[in-house]
Amino acid sequence: MATSPKTILLTGSTDGIGLATATRLAALGHHLLLHGRDRAKVAHTQRAVRATNGGGAVSTFVADLSRLSDVEALAAAVKEGHPHLDVLINNAGVFRTPEPVTSDGLDTRFVVNTISPYLLTRLLLPLLGPTDRVINLSSAAQAPVDLRALAGKETLSDGAAYAQSKLALTMWSRHLATTLERGPVMVAVNPGSLLATKMVKEGYGIDGNDIGIGADILVRAAVGTDFAEASGTYYDNDAGRFAAPHPDALDPELNLALTDQIDAIIATHVQNATPPS
């Protein structure tokens, strides 16, 4: 896949699909901005990715995406060192956690899987041009979103919270793609069901399918030509094609209501929050 080197921010890069994707992108010579929650794991990942010898620089950032203040700090650090971003891959996600409620009283699954990637995207929009890309990790598991649960007013099981948070991610992806005046290309991607990730092992007790299936489609989504004009779409890697997401994600009114709810949550918990434009 021949392409000029790009600056790519990848969240959740220290294991699973994120690590496999980072390794592939590094081998292609791209400049990688790797995010993780654990400083030691991030440092280890940086060394491992640099060893691919693709020639691109590898920078690192540490942030806990269950804390919206950390998302603000992450965005600020990226902006400080990088005037332009070609690709943002919102890969980090959680299925099961020993702390399902954050210190802000929000559902951790919704914060990590839905709200934080939205906030990070919004904060980094000034770095992204009309032809640049935001790739959001969705899932085949999608279920109608309870806005009260999104706001921390209802308690959900792990499976329900995960499925709802992934549909919510898909919904705001489509909403921003269709309402922002100046790009970037924004696509939600199901990288493949039951891949060999820690999340699948913890959630389902199985080893899972080849993780390269997910990494390969994320590389393609990030730098491949077939995603260059795919803004607002959903790619289903189980089917191997662009496909229809859950019907709720095709409803502009539902997408607007969900995005308004996320904006309200951010306005409550994040200093100096401003709406996207």
Protein backbone atom coordinates (compact mmCIF):
# COMPACT_ATOMS: atom_id res chain seq x y z
CA MET A 1 0.00 0.00 0.00
CA ALA A 2 2.11 2.87 -1.34
CA THR A 3 1.41 6.21 0.32
CA SER A 4 3.35 9.24 1.49
CA PRO A 5 4.23 9.22 5.21
CA LYS A 6 1.43 10.46 7.43
CA THR A 7 1.20 11.58 11.05
CA ILE A 8 -1.19 9.17 12.78
CA LEU A 9 -2.49 9.25 16.36
CA LEU A 10 -3.57 5.81 17.54
CA THR A 11 -5.28 5.38 20.91
CA GLY A 12 -5.06 2.09 22.77
CA SER A 13 -1.85 1.12 21.02
CA THR A 14 -0.20 -1.06 23.67
CA ASP A 15 -1.90 -4.37 22.90
CA GLY A 16 -4.41 -6.13 20.70
CA ILE A 17 -5.55 -4.57 17.45
CA GLY A 18 -3.91 -1.29 18.39
CA LEU A 19 -0.44 -2.77 18.72
CA ALA A 20 -0.80 -4.85 15.57
CA THR A 21 -2.00 -1.79 13.65
CA ALA A 22 0.83 0.36 15.00
CA THR A 23 3.40 -2.22 13.92
CA ARG A 24 2.01 -2.35 10.39
CA LEU A 25 1.79 1.43 10.04
CA ALA A 26 5.32 1.86 11.36
CA ALA A 27 6.63 -0.65 8.83
CA LEU A 28 5.13 1.58 6.12
CA GLY A 29 7.17 4.53 7.41
CA HIS A 30 4.39 6.61 8.96
CA HIS A 31 4.98 8.95 11.91
CA LEU A 32 3.10 7.39 14.81
CA LEU A 33 1.72 9.05 17.91
CA LEU A 34 1.04 6.13 20.25
CA HIS A 35 -1.32 6.41 23.20
CA GLY A 36 -1.70 4.11 26.17
CA ARG A 37 -2.85 4.21 29.77
CA ASP A 38 0.21 2.59 31.39
CA ARG A 39 3.52 4.44 31.07
CA ALA A 40 5.68 1.30 31.17
CA LYS A 41 3.58 -0.44 28.52
CA VAL A 42 3.66 2.64 26.33
CA ALA A 43 7.47 2.75 26.54
CA HIS A 44 7.68 -0.96 25.71
CA THR A 45 5.35 -0.45 22.75
CA GLN A 46 7.45 2.43 21.48
CA ARG A 47 10.58 0.24 21.48
CA ALA A 48 8.75 -2.63 19.78
CA VAL A 49 7.25 -0.43 17.08
CA ARG A 50 10.55 1.35 16.41
CA ALA A 51 12.11 -2.07 15.85
CA THR A 52 10.05 -2.47 12.68
CA ASN A 53 12.52 -0.08 11.03
CA GLY A 54 10.01 1.63 8.77
CA GLY A 55 11.81 4.94 9.13
CA GLY A 56 9.02 6.96 10.69
CA ALA A 57 9.21 8.69 14.07
CA VAL A 58 7.38 7.19 17.04
CA SER A 59 6.09 9.51 19.77
CA THR A 60 4.16 8.48 22.87
CA PHE A 61 1.40 9.85 25.09
CA VAL A 62 -0.01 8.55 28.37
CA ALA A 63 -3.63 9.19 29.35
CA ASP A 64 -6.48 7.40 31.10
CA LEU A 65 -9.45 7.79 28.77
CA SER A 66 -11.89 7.06 31.59
CA ARG A 67 -11.00 10.57 32.83
CA LEU A 68 -12.15 13.41 30.61
CA SER A 69 -9.48 15.67 32.12
CA ASP A 70 -6.87 13.24 30.76
CA VAL A 71 -8.46 13.51 27.31
CA GLU A 72 -8.09 17.29 27.48
CA ALA A 73 -4.44 16.92 28.49
CA LEU A 74 -3.80 14.38 25.72
CA ALA A 75 -5.25 16.71 23.09
CA ALA A 76 -3.22 19.63 24.43
CA ALA A 77 0.00 17.58 24.32
CA VAL A 78 -0.67 16.46 20.75
CA LYS A 79 -1.40 20.03 19.67
CA GLU A 80 1.75 21.31 21.34
CA GLY A 81 4.04 19.05 19.36
CA HIS A 82 2.16 18.61 16.11
CA PRO A 83 0.61 21.37 14.01
CA HIS A 84 -1.09 18.87 11.71
CA LEU A 85 -2.60 15.41 12.03
CA ASP A 86 -3.37 13.24 9.00
CA VAL A 87 -5.20 10.44 10.79
CA LEU A 88 -6.81 9.88 14.18
CA ILE A 89 -7.66 6.27 14.99
CA ASN A 90 -9.94 6.05 18.02
CA ASN A 91 -9.13 2.44 18.85
CA ALA A 92 -9.09 2.34 22.66
CA GLY A 93 -12.06 0.56 24.18
CA VAL A 94 -13.26 -1.40 27.18
CA PHE A 95 -15.75 -4.24 27.64
CA ARG A 96 -15.36 -5.26 31.28
CA THR A 97 -13.81 -3.20 34.06
CA PRO A 98 -13.57 -3.58 37.86
CA GLU A 99 -14.63 0.08 38.12
CA PRO A 100 -17.73 0.49 35.92
CA VAL A 101 -18.46 3.96 37.30
CA THR A 102 -16.02 6.86 36.96
CA SER A 103 -15.23 9.44 39.62
CA ASP A 104 -17.61 11.75 37.72
CA GLY A 105 -20.45 9.26 38.19
CA LEU A 106 -20.49 8.21 34.54
CA ASP A 107 -20.47 4.70 33.05
CA THR A 108 -16.84 3.83 32.33
CA ARG A 109 -17.77 1.85 29.20
CA PHE A 110 -19.58 4.84 27.71
CA VAL A 111 -16.80 7.23 28.69
CA VAL A 112 -13.98 5.20 27.14
CA ASN A 113 -15.87 3.87 24.12
CA THR A 114 -18.04 6.87 23.22
CA ILE A 115 -17.51 10.14 25.06
CA SER A 116 -13.70 10.30 25.20
CA PRO A 117 -13.17 9.56 21.50
CA TYR A 118 -15.79 12.19 20.67
CA LEU A 119 -14.09 14.74 22.91
CA LEU A 120 -10.64 13.90 21.58
CA THR A 121 -11.88 14.20 18.01
CA ARG A 122 -13.54 17.51 18.73
CA LEU A 123 -10.45 18.95 20.42
CA LEU A 124 -8.19 17.84 17.57
CA LEU A 125 -10.39 19.11 14.73
CA PRO A 126 -8.15 22.18 14.22
CA LEU A 127 -5.33 19.80 13.27
CA LEU A 128 -7.40 17.84 10.74
CA GLY A 129 -8.08 19.06 7.22
CA PRO A 130 -10.96 18.11 4.88
CA THR A 131 -9.12 15.14 3.38
CA ASP A 132 -7.67 13.86 6.67
CA ARG A 133 -9.33 10.96 8.47
CA VAL A 134 -10.90 9.95 11.76
CA ILE A 135 -11.33 6.19 12.05
CA ASN A 136 -13.59 5.07 14.89
CA LEU A 137 -13.55 1.49 16.16
CA SER A 138 -17.12 0.28 16.19
CA SER A 139 -18.35 -3.29 16.54
CA ALA A 140 -20.84 -5.79 15.16
CA ALA A 141 -22.40 -5.54 18.63
CA GLN A 142 -24.71 -2.52 18.42
CA ALA A 143 -27.85 -1.89 20.48
CA PRO A 144 -30.23 1.09 20.89
CA VAL A 145 -28.74 3.67 23.22
CA ASP A 146 -30.36 4.53 26.54
CA LEU A 147 -29.51 8.21 26.91
CA ARG A 148 -30.02 7.98 30.66
CA ALA A 149 -27.36 5.27 30.83
CA LEU A 150 -25.08 7.40 28.69
CA ALA A 151 -25.49 10.18 31.25
CA GLY A 152 -24.79 7.82 34.17
CA LYS A 153 -28.40 7.66 35.33
CA GLU A 154 -28.95 3.96 34.63
CA THR A 155 -26.79 0.88 35.27
CA LEU A 156 -26.17 -1.60 32.47
CA SER A 157 -24.51 -5.00 32.18
CA ASP A 158 -21.12 -5.24 30.49
CA GLY A 159 -22.61 -6.57 27.27
CA ALA A 160 -25.38 -4.00 27.09
CA ALA A 161 -23.07 -1.10 27.88
CA TYR A 162 -20.56 -2.25 25.27
CA ALA A 163 -23.14 -2.70 22.51
CA GLN A 164 -24.81 0.62 23.27
CA SER A 165 -21.51 2.49 23.50
CA LYS A 166 -20.41 1.15 20.12
CA LEU A 167 -23.66 2.15 18.45
CA ALA A 168 -23.32 5.56 20.10
CA LEU A 169 -19.82 5.87 18.61
CA THR A 170 -21.20 4.96 15.19
CA MET A 171 -24.02 7.49 15.57
CA TRP A 172 -21.82 10.45 16.45
CA SER A 173 -19.40 9.48 13.69
CA ARG A 174 -22.17 9.80 11.14
CA HIS A 175 -23.55 12.96 12.73
CA LEU A 176 -20.22 14.79 12.62
CA ALA A 177 -19.49 13.53 9.12
CA THR A 178 -22.76 14.99 7.85
CA THR A 179 -22.81 18.24 9.82
CA LEU A 180 -19.24 19.55 10.10
CA GLU A 181 -18.58 22.22 7.52
CA ARG A 182 -14.96 21.30 6.89
CA GLY A 183 -14.20 17.60 7.06
CA PRO A 184 -12.40 15.47 8.02
CA VAL A 185 -13.35 12.12 6.53
CA MET A 186 -15.00 10.21 9.37
CA VAL A 187 -15.69 6.48 9.22
CA ALA A 188 -16.86 3.91 11.77
CA VAL A 189 -15.29 0.48 11.32
CA ASN A 190 -16.19 -2.92 12.72
CA PRO A 191 -12.71 -4.49 12.54
CA GLY A 192 -14.07 -8.03 12.81
CA SER A 193 -15.93 -10.10 15.34
CA LEU A 194 -14.28 -12.05 18.14
CA LEU A 195 -10.69 -11.25 17.27
CA ALA A 196 -7.87 -12.42 19.52
CA THR A 197 -7.85 -9.43 21.87
CA LYS A 198 -7.68 -9.20 25.64
CA MET A 199 -11.22 -7.83 25.54
CA VAL A 200 -12.55 -10.94 23.78
CA LYS A 201 -10.62 -13.24 26.12
CA GLU A 202 -12.00 -11.49 29.20
CA GLY A 203 -15.51 -11.07 27.86
CA TYR A 204 -16.10 -14.42 26.18
CA GLY A 205 -13.38 -16.74 27.47
CA ILE A 206 -12.12 -17.67 24.00
CA ASP A 207 -8.84 -17.09 22.18
CA GLY A 208 -10.50 -15.44 19.19
CA ASN A 209 -9.68 -15.08 15.52
CA ASP A 210 -6.47 -13.78 13.92
CA ILE A 211 -5.93 -10.24 15.17
CA GLY A 212 -4.32 -9.36 11.85
CA ILE A 213 -7.82 -9.31 10.34
CA GLY A 214 -8.58 -6.19 12.36
CA ALA A 215 -5.18 -4.57 11.98
CA ASP A 216 -5.22 -4.93 8.20
CA ILE A 217 -8.56 -3.16 7.81
CA LEU A 218 -7.50 -0.36 10.14
CA VAL A 219 -4.36 0.25 8.08
CA ARG A 220 -6.51 0.29 4.97
CA ALA A 221 -9.01 2.66 6.57
CA ALA A 222 -6.21 4.97 7.72
CA VAL A 223 -4.22 5.24 4.50
CA GLY A 224 -6.00 3.26 1.78
CA THR A 225 -7.48 5.01 -1.24
CA ASP A 226 -10.85 3.26 -0.96
CA PHE A 227 -11.60 5.11 2.28
CA ALA A 228 -10.64 8.55 0.94
CA GLU A 229 -14.25 9.53 0.14
CA ALA A 230 -16.06 7.31 2.63
CA SER A 231 -17.03 9.94 5.20
CA GLY A 232 -20.18 9.11 7.10
CA THR A 233 -20.09 5.43 6.22
CA TYR A 234 -19.80 2.24 8.25
CA TYR A 235 -17.41 -0.51 7.21
CA ASP A 236 -18.29 -4.04 8.31
CA ASN A 237 -15.16 -6.18 8.12
CA ASP A 238 -17.17 -9.31 8.86
CA ALA A 239 -18.87 -8.76 5.51
CA GLY A 240 -15.78 -7.25 3.91
CA ARG A 241 -17.59 -4.16 2.64
CA PHE A 242 -19.23 -0.86 3.46
CA ALA A 243 -22.63 -1.73 4.89
CA ALA A 244 -25.59 -0.36 6.79
CA PRO A 245 -25.02 0.05 10.54
CA HIS A 246 -27.79 -0.36 13.10
CA PRO A 247 -30.86 1.55 11.79
CA ASP A 248 -30.61 4.08 14.63
CA ALA A 249 -27.34 5.36 13.17
CA LEU A 250 -29.17 6.23 9.95
CA ASP A 251 -31.69 8.44 11.76
CA PRO A 252 -30.47 12.09 11.79
CA GLU A 253 -32.78 13.05 14.65
CA LEU A 254 -31.54 10.22 16.88
CA ASN A 255 -27.94 11.05 15.99
CA LEU A 256 -28.52 14.70 16.88
CA ALA A 257 -30.18 13.82 20.20
CA LEU A 258 -27.31 11.52 21.13
CA THR A 259 -24.66 14.07 20.17
CA ASP A 260 -26.48 16.78 22.11
CA GLN A 261 -26.42 14.50 25.15
CA ILE A 262 -22.68 13.95 24.79
CA ASP A 263 -22.14 17.70 24.44
CA ALA A 264 -24.17 18.27 27.60
CA ILE A 265 -22.08 15.73 29.52
CA ILE A 266 -18.88 17.36 28.29
CA ALA A 267 -20.15 20.83 29.19
CA THR A 268 -20.78 19.58 32.73
CA HIS A 269 -17.49 17.78 33.25
CA VAL A 270 -14.94 19.55 31.01
CA GLN A 271 -13.59 23.06 31.48
CA ASN A 272 -13.73 25.48 28.56
CA ALA A 273 -15.88 23.13 26.48
CA THR A 274 -17.02 24.54 23.15
CA PRO A 275 -19.28 22.94 20.51
CA PRO A 276 -17.82 21.65 17.24
CA SER A 277 -17.99 23.87 14.14
